[in-house]
C-alpha atoms as a PDB file:
ATOM      1  CA  MET A   1       0.000   0.000   0.000  1.00  0.00           C
ATOM      2  CA  GLN A   2       2.882   2.355   0.853  1.00  0.00           C
ATOM      3  CA  GLN A   3       4.370   1.745  -2.593  1.00  0.00           C
ATOM      4  CA  ILE A   4       1.116   2.794  -4.221  1.00  0.00           C
ATOM      5  CA  PHE A   5       1.063   6.054  -2.268  1.00  0.00           C
ATOM      6  CA  ASN A   6       4.714   6.668  -3.170  1.00  0.00           C
ATOM      7  CA  PHE A   7       3.955   6.092  -6.853  1.00  0.00           C
ATOM      8  CA  ILE A   8       1.013   8.526  -6.783  1.00  0.00           C
ATOM      9  CA  TYR A   9       3.105  11.128  -4.932  1.00  0.00           C
ATOM     10  CA  LYS A  10       6.040  10.866  -7.360  1.00  0.00           C
ATOM     11  CA  ASN A  11       3.808  11.021 -10.447  1.00  0.00           C
ATOM     12  CA  SER A  12       1.162  13.409  -9.137  1.00  0.00           C
ATOM     13  CA  ASN A  13       1.834  16.031 -11.832  1.00  0.00           C
ATOM     14  CA  ARG A  14       1.536  13.516 -14.657  1.00  0.00           C
ATOM     15  CA  LEU A  15      -1.593  11.954 -13.195  1.00  0.00           C
ATOM     16  CA  LEU A  16      -3.177  15.371 -12.735  1.00  0.00           C
ATOM     17  CA  PHE A  17      -2.334  16.252 -16.345  1.00  0.00           C
ATOM     18  CA  LEU A  18      -3.894  13.019 -17.628  1.00  0.00           C
ATOM     19  CA  LEU A  19      -7.004  13.589 -15.522  1.00  0.00           C
ATOM     20  CA  LEU A  20      -7.481  17.147 -16.831  1.00  0.00           C
ATOM     21  CA  LEU A  21      -6.780  15.982 -20.381  1.00  0.00           C
ATOM     22  CA  GLY A  22      -9.461  13.288 -20.083  1.00  0.00           C
ATOM     23  CA  ILE A  23     -12.005  15.756 -18.710  1.00  0.00           C
ATOM     24  CA  SER A  24     -11.289  18.250 -21.503  1.00  0.00           C
ATOM     25  CA  LEU A  25     -11.605  15.584 -24.191  1.00  0.00           C
ATOM     26  CA  PHE A  26     -14.889  14.388 -22.688  1.00  0.00           C
ATOM     27  CA  LEU A  27     -16.324  17.914 -22.640  1.00  0.00           C
ATOM     28  CA  THR A  28     -15.148  18.558 -26.219  1.00  0.00           C
ATOM     29  CA  ILE A  29     -16.763  15.354 -27.506  1.00  0.00           C
ATOM     30  CA  GLN A  30     -20.044  16.024 -25.684  1.00  0.00           C
ATOM     31  CA  SER A  31     -20.364  19.598 -26.931  1.00  0.00           C
ATOM     32  CA  HIS A  32     -19.401  19.111 -30.610  1.00  0.00           C
ATOM     33  CA  SER A  33     -21.400  16.760 -32.832  1.00  0.00           C
ATOM     34  CA  TYR A  34     -18.524  16.400 -35.331  1.00  0.00           C
ATOM     35  CA  HIS A  35     -16.070  15.185 -32.691  1.00  0.00           C
ATOM     36  CA  ARG A  36     -18.740  12.919 -31.175  1.00  0.00           C
ATOM     37  CA  SER A  37     -19.471  11.264 -34.523  1.00  0.00           C
ATOM     38  CA  LYS A  38     -15.748  10.667 -35.116  1.00  0.00           C
ATOM     39  CA  VAL A  39     -15.336   9.041 -31.721  1.00  0.00           C
ATOM     40  CA  ILE A  40     -18.376   6.806 -32.292  1.00  0.00           C
ATOM     41  CA  SER A  41     -17.031   5.810 -35.709  1.00  0.00           C
ATOM     42  CA  SER A  42     -13.612   4.972 -34.221  1.00  0.00           C
ATOM     43  CA  ALA A  43     -15.233   2.998 -31.410  1.00  0.00           C
ATOM     44  CA  ASN A  44     -17.235   1.027 -33.974  1.00  0.00           C
ATOM     45  CA  PHE A  45     -14.010   0.223 -35.831  1.00  0.00           C
ATOM     46  CA  VAL A  46     -12.217  -1.042 -32.709  1.00  0.00           C
ATOM     47  CA  SER A  47     -15.137  -2.918 -31.139  1.00  0.00           C
ATOM     48  CA  GLY A  48     -16.124  -4.314 -34.543  1.00  0.00           C
ATOM     49  CA  GLY A  49     -12.723  -5.956 -34.944  1.00  0.00           C
ATOM     50  CA  VAL A  50     -12.913  -7.521 -31.481  1.00  0.00           C
ATOM     51  CA  TYR A  51     -16.489  -8.719 -31.991  1.00  0.00           C
ATOM     52  CA  GLU A  52     -15.558 -10.266 -35.346  1.00  0.00           C
ATOM     53  CA  LYS A  53     -12.758 -12.339 -33.802  1.00  0.00           C
ATOM     54  CA  ILE A  54     -15.065 -13.580 -31.056  1.00  0.00           C
ATOM     55  CA  ASN A  55     -17.829 -14.278 -33.575  1.00  0.00           C
ATOM     56  CA  ASN A  56     -15.499 -16.355 -35.777  1.00  0.00           C
ATOM     57  CA  VAL A  57     -14.884 -18.756 -32.888  1.00  0.00           C
ATOM     58  CA  SER A  58     -18.576 -18.844 -31.921  1.00  0.00           C
ATOM     59  CA  GLU A  59     -19.627 -19.394 -35.545  1.00  0.00           C
ATOM     60  CA  TYR A  60     -17.246 -22.327 -35.929  1.00  0.00           C
ATOM     61  CA  LEU A  61     -18.687 -23.987 -32.824  1.00  0.00           C
ATOM     62  CA  ASN A  62     -22.221 -23.352 -34.121  1.00  0.00           C
ATOM     63  CA  LEU A  63     -21.809 -24.665 -37.689  1.00  0.00           C
ATOM     64  CA  ARG A  64     -24.336 -27.483 -37.283  1.00  0.00           C
ATOM     65  CA  THR A  65     -27.135 -25.107 -36.271  1.00  0.00           C
ATOM     66  CA  GLN A  66     -26.286 -22.688 -39.086  1.00  0.00           C
ATOM     67  CA  ASN A  67     -26.305 -25.520 -41.652  1.00  0.00           C
ATOM     68  CA  GLU A  68     -29.733 -26.633 -40.464  1.00  0.00           C
ATOM     69  CA  MET A  69     -31.067 -23.076 -40.820  1.00  0.00           C
ATOM     70  CA  LEU A  70     -29.619 -22.784 -44.343  1.00  0.00           C
ATOM     71  CA  ALA A  71     -31.184 -26.115 -45.274  1.00  0.00           C
ATOM     72  CA  GLN A  72     -34.599 -24.897 -44.072  1.00  0.00           C
ATOM     73  CA  GLU A  73     -34.216 -21.640 -46.010  1.00  0.00           C
ATOM     74  CA  ASN A  74     -33.222 -23.523 -49.178  1.00  0.00           C
ATOM     75  CA  ALA A  75     -36.254 -25.770 -48.778  1.00  0.00           C
ATOM     76  CA  LYS A  76     -38.498 -22.726 -48.516  1.00  0.00           C
ATOM     77  CA  LEU A  77     -36.936 -21.153 -51.640  1.00  0.00           C
ATOM     78  CA  ARG A  78     -37.409 -24.392 -53.560  1.00  0.00           C
ATOM     79  CA  SER A  79     -41.072 -24.493 -52.554  1.00  0.00           C
ATOM     80  CA  TYR A  80     -41.477 -20.975 -53.959  1.00  0.00           C
ATOM     81  CA  LEU A  81     -39.891 -22.081 -57.227  1.00  0.00           C
ATOM     82  CA  PHE A  82     -42.200 -25.075 -57.477  1.00  0.00           C
ATOM     83  CA  ASP A  83     -45.207 -22.804 -56.992  1.00  0.00           C
ATOM     84  CA  LEU A  84     -44.224 -20.614 -59.952  1.00  0.00           C
ATOM     85  CA  LYS A  85     -46.077 -21.221 -63.193  1.00  0.00           C
ATOM     86  CA  ASP A  86     -42.792 -20.963 -65.096  1.00  0.00           C
ATOM     87  CA  SER A  87     -39.773 -21.547 -62.872  1.00  0.00           C
ATOM     88  CA  THR A  88     -37.389 -20.733 -65.737  1.00  0.00           C
ATOM     89  CA  ALA A  89     -38.746 -17.193 -66.208  1.00  0.00           C
ATOM     90  CA  ILE A  90     -36.351 -14.361 -65.392  1.00  0.00           C
ATOM     91  CA  SER A  91     -37.554 -11.822 -62.864  1.00  0.00           C
ATOM     92  CA  LYS A  92     -38.368  -8.443 -64.365  1.00  0.00           C
ATOM     93  CA  LEU A  93     -35.660  -5.856 -63.725  1.00  0.00           C
ATOM     94  CA  ASP A  94     -35.599  -2.097 -63.968  1.00  0.00           C
ATOM     95  CA  SER A  95     -35.180  -1.271 -67.658  1.00  0.00           C
ATOM     96  CA  VAL A  96     -33.008   1.792 -66.991  1.00  0.00           C
ATOM     97  CA  LYS A  97     -30.257   0.561 -64.684  1.00  0.00           C
ATOM     98  CA  GLY A  98     -30.860  -3.178 -64.677  1.00  0.00           C
ATOM     99  CA  MET A  99     -31.600  -3.029 -60.962  1.00  0.00           C
ATOM    100  CA  ARG A 100     -34.546  -3.634 -58.706  1.00  0.00           C
ATOM    101  CA  ASP A 101     -36.172  -0.850 -56.704  1.00  0.00           C
ATOM    102  CA  THR A 102     -34.317  -2.083 -53.663  1.00  0.00           C
ATOM    103  CA  ASP A 103     -30.855  -3.627 -53.581  1.00  0.00           C
ATOM    104  CA  ILE A 104     -29.468  -5.611 -50.676  1.00  0.00           C
ATOM    105  CA  ILE A 105     -26.079  -5.815 -48.982  1.00  0.00           C
ATOM    106  CA  VAL A 106     -25.414  -9.211 -47.421  1.00  0.00           C
ATOM    107  CA  SER A 107     -23.853  -8.919 -43.971  1.00  0.00           C
ATOM    108  CA  LYS A 108     -23.320 -10.877 -40.769  1.00  0.00           C
ATOM    109  CA  VAL A 109     -24.150 -10.155 -37.141  1.00  0.00           C
ATOM    110  CA  ILE A 110     -20.920 -10.273 -35.104  1.00  0.00           C
ATOM    111  CA  HIS A 111     -22.393  -8.958 -31.848  1.00  0.00           C
ATOM    112  CA  ASN A 112     -25.958  -9.027 -30.576  1.00  0.00           C
ATOM    113  CA  SER A 113     -27.270  -7.498 -27.358  1.00  0.00           C
ATOM    114  CA  PHE A 114     -30.763  -8.413 -26.155  1.00  0.00           C
ATOM    115  CA  ASN A 115     -30.569  -8.125 -22.357  1.00  0.00           C
ATOM    116  CA  SER A 116     -31.072  -4.365 -21.950  1.00  0.00           C
ATOM    117  CA  TYR A 117     -33.787  -1.838 -22.819  1.00  0.00           C
ATOM    118  CA  GLU A 118     -31.766  -0.314 -25.682  1.00  0.00           C
ATOM    119  CA  ASN A 119     -30.344  -3.229 -27.662  1.00  0.00           C
ATOM    120  CA  PHE A 120     -27.975  -2.964 -30.615  1.00  0.00           C
ATOM    121  CA  LEU A 121     -26.368  -5.294 -33.160  1.00  0.00           C
ATOM    122  CA  THR A 122     -22.940  -4.965 -34.767  1.00  0.00           C
ATOM    123  CA  LEU A 123     -22.511  -6.005 -38.429  1.00  0.00           C
ATOM    124  CA  ASN A 124     -19.311  -6.740 -40.360  1.00  0.00           C
ATOM    125  CA  SER A 125     -20.257  -4.313 -43.160  1.00  0.00           C
ATOM    126  CA  GLY A 126     -19.728  -0.562 -43.245  1.00  0.00           C
ATOM    127  CA  ALA A 127     -19.274   2.471 -45.462  1.00  0.00           C
ATOM    128  CA  ASN A 128     -16.805   0.636 -47.714  1.00  0.00           C
ATOM    129  CA  GLN A 129     -19.577  -1.807 -48.587  1.00  0.00           C
ATOM    130  CA  GLY A 130     -22.133   0.961 -49.215  1.00  0.00           C
ATOM    131  CA  VAL A 131     -23.843   0.919 -45.821  1.00  0.00           C
ATOM    132  CA  LYS A 132     -25.348   4.204 -44.590  1.00  0.00           C
ATOM    133  CA  SER A 133     -27.300   5.288 -41.535  1.00  0.00           C
ATOM    134  CA  ASP A 134     -31.079   4.661 -41.569  1.00  0.00           C
ATOM    135  CA  MET A 135     -30.949   1.663 -43.895  1.00  0.00           C
ATOM    136  CA  GLY A 136     -33.287  -1.203 -43.011  1.00  0.00           C
ATOM    137  CA  VAL A 137     -31.985  -4.607 -41.879  1.00  0.00           C
ATOM    138  CA  VAL A 138     -33.899  -7.871 -42.379  1.00  0.00           C
ATOM    139  CA  ASN A 139     -33.211 -11.587 -42.698  1.00  0.00           C
ATOM    140  CA  SER A 140     -34.998 -14.577 -44.213  1.00  0.00           C
ATOM    141  CA  LEU A 141     -37.580 -14.584 -41.405  1.00  0.00           C
ATOM    142  CA  GLY A 142     -38.361 -10.866 -41.282  1.00  0.00           C
ATOM    143  CA  LEU A 143     -37.572  -7.545 -39.631  1.00  0.00           C
ATOM    144  CA  VAL A 144     -34.341  -7.027 -37.633  1.00  0.00           C
ATOM    145  CA  GLY A 145     -33.700  -3.281 -37.185  1.00  0.00           C
ATOM    146  CA  ILE A 146     -32.311  -0.033 -38.625  1.00  0.00           C
ATOM    147  CA  ILE A 147     -28.680   0.997 -39.242  1.00  0.00           C
ATOM    148  CA  ASP A 148     -27.520   3.547 -36.666  1.00  0.00           C
ATOM    149  CA  ASN A 149     -23.778   4.333 -36.864  1.00  0.00           C
ATOM    150  CA  VAL A 150     -21.322   3.364 -39.599  1.00  0.00           C
ATOM    151  CA  SER A 151     -17.520   3.035 -39.702  1.00  0.00           C
ATOM    152  CA  PRO A 152     -15.491   1.979 -42.788  1.00  0.00           C
ATOM    153  CA  ASN A 153     -16.017  -1.768 -42.275  1.00  0.00           C
ATOM    154  CA  TYR A 154     -18.598  -2.100 -39.503  1.00  0.00           C
ATOM    155  CA  SER A 155     -22.003  -0.739 -38.543  1.00  0.00           C
ATOM    156  CA  THR A 156     -24.355  -0.800 -35.575  1.00  0.00           C
ATOM    157  CA  VAL A 157     -28.074  -1.529 -35.802  1.00  0.00           C
ATOM    158  CA  VAL A 158     -30.908  -0.348 -33.565  1.00  0.00           C
ATOM    159  CA  SER A 159     -32.622  -3.655 -32.894  1.00  0.00           C
ATOM    160  CA  ILE A 160     -36.416  -3.882 -32.905  1.00  0.00           C
ATOM    161  CA  LEU A 161     -35.803  -4.947 -29.281  1.00  0.00           C
ATOM    162  CA  ASN A 162     -35.014  -1.346 -28.391  1.00  0.00           C
ATOM    163  CA  VAL A 163     -37.467   0.820 -26.434  1.00  0.00           C
ATOM    164  CA  LYS A 164     -36.594   3.786 -28.678  1.00  0.00           C
ATOM    165  CA  SER A 165     -37.361   1.877 -31.892  1.00  0.00           C
ATOM    166  CA  GLN A 166     -40.557   2.844 -33.722  1.00  0.00           C
ATOM    167  CA  ILE A 167     -41.361   1.350 -37.131  1.00  0.00           C
ATOM    168  CA  ASN A 168     -44.418   1.712 -39.359  1.00  0.00           C
ATOM    169  CA  ALA A 169     -46.284  -1.615 -39.607  1.00  0.00           C
ATOM    170  CA  LYS A 170     -49.706  -2.881 -40.609  1.00  0.00           C
ATOM    171  CA  ILE A 171     -52.101  -5.808 -40.364  1.00  0.00           C
ATOM    172  CA  LYS A 172     -51.535  -7.680 -43.601  1.00  0.00           C
ATOM    173  CA  LYS A 173     -55.126  -8.695 -44.329  1.00  0.00           C
ATOM    174  CA  SER A 174     -56.749  -5.315 -43.610  1.00  0.00           C
ATOM    175  CA  ASN A 175     -53.971  -2.733 -44.241  1.00  0.00           C
ATOM    176  CA  HIS A 176     -54.727  -0.932 -40.956  1.00  0.00           C
ATOM    177  CA  PHE A 177     -51.556   0.768 -39.741  1.00  0.00           C
ATOM    178  CA  GLY A 178     -49.864   1.234 -36.403  1.00  0.00           C
ATOM    179  CA  SER A 179     -46.415   1.747 -34.880  1.00  0.00           C
ATOM    180  CA  LEU A 180     -44.240  -1.215 -33.941  1.00  0.00           C
ATOM    181  CA  VAL A 181     -42.536  -0.626 -30.580  1.00  0.00           C
ATOM    182  CA  TRP A 182     -41.014  -2.750 -27.802  1.00  0.00           C
ATOM    183  CA  ASN A 183     -42.017  -2.548 -24.144  1.00  0.00           C
ATOM    184  CA  GLY A 184     -38.710  -3.924 -22.883  1.00  0.00           C
ATOM    185  CA  LYS A 185     -40.137  -7.159 -21.478  1.00  0.00           C
ATOM    186  CA  SER A 186     -39.856 -10.277 -23.679  1.00  0.00           C
ATOM    187  CA  THR A 187     -37.318 -10.850 -26.478  1.00  0.00           C
ATOM    188  CA  GLY A 188     -39.911 -12.867 -28.386  1.00  0.00           C
ATOM    189  CA  TYR A 189     -42.599 -10.185 -28.588  1.00  0.00           C
ATOM    190  CA  ALA A 190     -43.076  -6.596 -29.794  1.00  0.00           C
ATOM    191  CA  GLN A 191     -46.153  -4.357 -29.661  1.00  0.00           C
ATOM    192  CA  LEU A 192     -48.179  -2.704 -32.414  1.00  0.00           C
ATOM    193  CA  ILE A 193     -49.789   0.428 -30.960  1.00  0.00           C
ATOM    194  CA  ASP A 194     -52.278   3.039 -32.215  1.00  0.00           C
ATOM    195  CA  VAL A 195     -54.284   0.554 -34.293  1.00  0.00           C
ATOM    196  CA  PRO A 196     -57.797   1.997 -34.916  1.00  0.00           C
ATOM    197  CA  ARG A 197     -60.773   0.197 -33.370  1.00  0.00           C
ATOM    198  CA  LEU A 198     -62.336  -0.064 -36.832  1.00  0.00           C
ATOM    199  CA  ALA A 199     -59.728  -2.668 -37.762  1.00  0.00           C
ATOM    200  CA  ALA A 200     -61.052  -6.227 -38.028  1.00  0.00           C
ATOM    201  CA  ILE A 201     -58.410  -8.243 -36.215  1.00  0.00           C
ATOM    202  CA  ARG A 202     -58.030 -11.609 -34.558  1.00  0.00           C
ATOM    203  CA  LYS A 203     -55.342 -13.677 -32.926  1.00  0.00           C
ATOM    204  CA  GLY A 204     -52.952 -15.199 -35.479  1.00  0.00           C
ATOM    205  CA  ASP A 205     -53.226 -12.397 -38.063  1.00  0.00           C
ATOM    206  CA  THR A 206     -49.911 -11.561 -39.722  1.00  0.00           C
ATOM    207  CA  ILE A 207     -48.160  -8.216 -39.128  1.00  0.00           C
ATOM    208  CA  VAL A 208     -45.873  -6.794 -41.840  1.00  0.00           C
ATOM    209  CA  THR A 209     -44.075  -3.533 -42.600  1.00  0.00           C
ATOM    210  CA  GLY A 210     -46.411  -0.794 -43.763  1.00  0.00           C
ATOM    211  CA  GLY A 211     -44.297   0.756 -46.507  1.00  0.00           C
ATOM    212  CA  GLN A 212     -45.040   4.318 -45.329  1.00  0.00           C
ATOM    213  CA  SER A 213     -41.344   5.085 -44.856  1.00  0.00           C
ATOM    214  CA  VAL A 214     -38.256   5.138 -47.065  1.00  0.00           C
ATOM    215  CA  ILE A 215     -36.454   2.623 -44.831  1.00  0.00           C
ATOM    216  CA  PHE A 216     -38.383  -0.626 -45.410  1.00  0.00           C
ATOM    217  CA  PRO A 217     -40.319  -1.899 -48.425  1.00  0.00           C
ATOM    218  CA  GLU A 218     -43.909  -2.925 -47.846  1.00  0.00           C
ATOM    219  CA  ASN A 219     -44.948  -6.394 -46.623  1.00  0.00           C
ATOM    220  CA  ILE A 220     -41.764  -7.592 -44.895  1.00  0.00           C
ATOM    221  CA  ASN A 221     -42.794 -10.143 -42.270  1.00  0.00           C
ATOM    222  CA  ILE A 222     -42.701  -9.176 -38.587  1.00  0.00           C
ATOM    223  CA  GLY A 223     -44.879 -11.637 -36.651  1.00  0.00           C
ATOM    224  CA  THR A 224     -48.401 -12.665 -35.697  1.00  0.00           C
ATOM    225  CA  ILE A 225     -50.950 -11.236 -33.249  1.00  0.00           C
ATOM    226  CA  ASP A 226     -50.745 -13.031 -29.926  1.00  0.00           C
ATOM    227  CA  ARG A 227     -52.958 -10.846 -27.701  1.00  0.00           C
ATOM    228  CA  ILE A 228     -55.291  -7.892 -28.230  1.00  0.00           C
ATOM    229  CA  TYR A 229     -55.720  -5.025 -25.752  1.00  0.00           C
ATOM    230  CA  VAL A 230     -57.744  -1.809 -25.801  1.00  0.00           C
ATOM    231  CA  ASP A 231     -56.102   1.382 -24.535  1.00  0.00           C
ATOM    232  CA  ASN A 232     -58.716   2.984 -22.263  1.00  0.00           C
ATOM    233  CA  GLN A 233     -57.256   6.462 -22.794  1.00  0.00           C
ATOM    234  CA  THR A 234     -56.880   6.544 -26.580  1.00  0.00           C
ATOM    235  CA  HIS A 235     -59.471   3.841 -27.385  1.00  0.00           C
ATOM    236  CA  TYR A 236     -57.023   2.337 -29.883  1.00  0.00           C
ATOM    237  CA  TYR A 237     -55.899  -1.287 -30.026  1.00  0.00           C
ATOM    238  CA  THR A 238     -52.538  -2.363 -28.660  1.00  0.00           C
ATOM    239  CA  LEU A 239     -51.486  -5.694 -30.145  1.00  0.00           C
ATOM    240  CA  ASN A 240     -48.913  -8.057 -28.675  1.00  0.00           C
ATOM    241  CA  ILE A 241     -46.943  -9.458 -31.613  1.00  0.00           C
ATOM    242  CA  LYS A 242     -45.118 -12.793 -31.513  1.00  0.00           C
ATOM    243  CA  LEU A 243     -42.023 -12.190 -33.663  1.00  0.00           C
ATOM    244  CA  PHE A 244     -41.081 -14.555 -36.495  1.00  0.00           C
ATOM    245  CA  ASN A 245     -37.409 -13.891 -35.722  1.00  0.00           C
ATOM    246  CA  ASP A 246     -35.549 -15.301 -32.772  1.00  0.00           C
ATOM    247  CA  MET A 247     -33.796 -12.036 -31.967  1.00  0.00           C
ATOM    248  CA  THR A 248     -31.382 -13.824 -29.623  1.00  0.00           C
ATOM    249  CA  ASN A 249     -29.980 -15.963 -32.452  1.00  0.00           C
ATOM    250  CA  LEU A 250     -29.165 -13.943 -35.576  1.00  0.00           C
ATOM    251  CA  GLY A 251     -26.617 -14.834 -38.255  1.00  0.00           C
ATOM    252  CA  HIS A 252     -26.588 -13.461 -41.787  1.00  0.00           C
ATOM    253  CA  VAL A 253     -28.772 -10.442 -42.528  1.00  0.00           C
ATOM    254  CA  TYR A 254     -29.673  -8.272 -45.511  1.00  0.00           C
ATOM    255  CA  ILE A 255     -29.223  -4.495 -45.493  1.00  0.00           C
ATOM    256  CA  ILE A 256     -31.830  -2.839 -47.701  1.00  0.00           C
ATOM    257  CA  LYS A 257     -30.674  -0.042 -49.985  1.00  0.00           C
ATOM    258  CA  SER A 258     -33.510   1.857 -51.667  1.00  0.00           C
ATOM    259  CA  LYS A 259     -32.497   3.741 -54.796  1.00  0.00           C
ATOM    260  CA  ASP A 260     -35.556   6.006 -54.469  1.00  0.00           C
ATOM    261  CA  ARG A 261     -34.735   7.037 -50.879  1.00  0.00           C
ATOM    262  CA  GLU A 262     -32.883  10.299 -51.621  1.00  0.00           C
ATOM    263  CA  GLU A 263     -35.462  11.452 -54.184  1.00  0.00           C
ATOM    264  CA  ILE A 264     -38.355  10.901 -51.755  1.00  0.00           C
ATOM    265  CA  ILE A 265     -36.553  12.631 -48.851  1.00  0.00           C
ATOM    266  CA  ASN A 266     -35.651  15.667 -50.993  1.00  0.00           C
ATOM    267  CA  LEU A 267     -39.218  15.883 -52.301  1.00  0.00           C
ATOM    268  CA  GLU A 268     -40.676  15.836 -48.785  1.00  0.00           C
ATOM    269  CA  LYS A 269     -38.150  18.421 -47.573  1.00  0.00           C
ATOM    270  CA  GLY A 270     -39.176  20.681 -50.447  1.00  0.00           C
ATOM    271  CA  ARG A 271     -42.820  20.527 -49.378  1.00  0.00           C
ATOM    272  CA  LYS A 272     -41.932  21.398 -45.758  1.00  0.00           C
ATOM    273  CA  ASN A 273     -39.939  24.446 -46.887  1.00  0.00           C
ATOM    274  CA  GLU A 274     -42.816  25.857 -48.934  1.00  0.00           C
END
């Protein structure tokens, strides 16, 4: 103990300098958005590299489960092909650029938090792969989240298991809209709020994305209605949604890149400025 006190006494000036330097850097980052964004980007780069190393080991140990999931997905795709009238027909592409309305960037989850109220994912794709903030993230089963921060080779995603997440969704059979949120309780369920009482709903109905935003295309699967509540204050329905995705076990995902996004945003900004 005496040695520790002697060390602090001998290096008191240096320690004081480092303490003041840390406080000044903290205040600078908190008060300037540019510096804050750079720090977040750098943190994503460092943590992304660590998460990827850990994920490589975990993925190797989990190969059997991943192979089973891929086999199930291939079976589903084959069933779709068999249902087509002409399975050899080529899907219609955009005649101008040879692209669909929405492109996808294939990525992989290298870190997944689901034990807090504000959960995030880390992906091994970033700005170098064309990823930008506010892009939608899905997988073969449905909705996953929205891109938050991006570094050159990694990105973080606001999971749908995040109390601050709010996504436009609808009842598939009736097209009545609401907002998909999470109450912070179960990882297997989300809530669809502000659904009008005029909506004809029942347990088991499918919930999908509403398409009233530039982030997600319409009709991406989310889950099914498990319970129905009536908000006594607003007199709207609140629906408990059983998610199709197991948000605690995510592997490969698809980042959605809409080519019409910028045009729609600029058009809406123009109307607001009028």
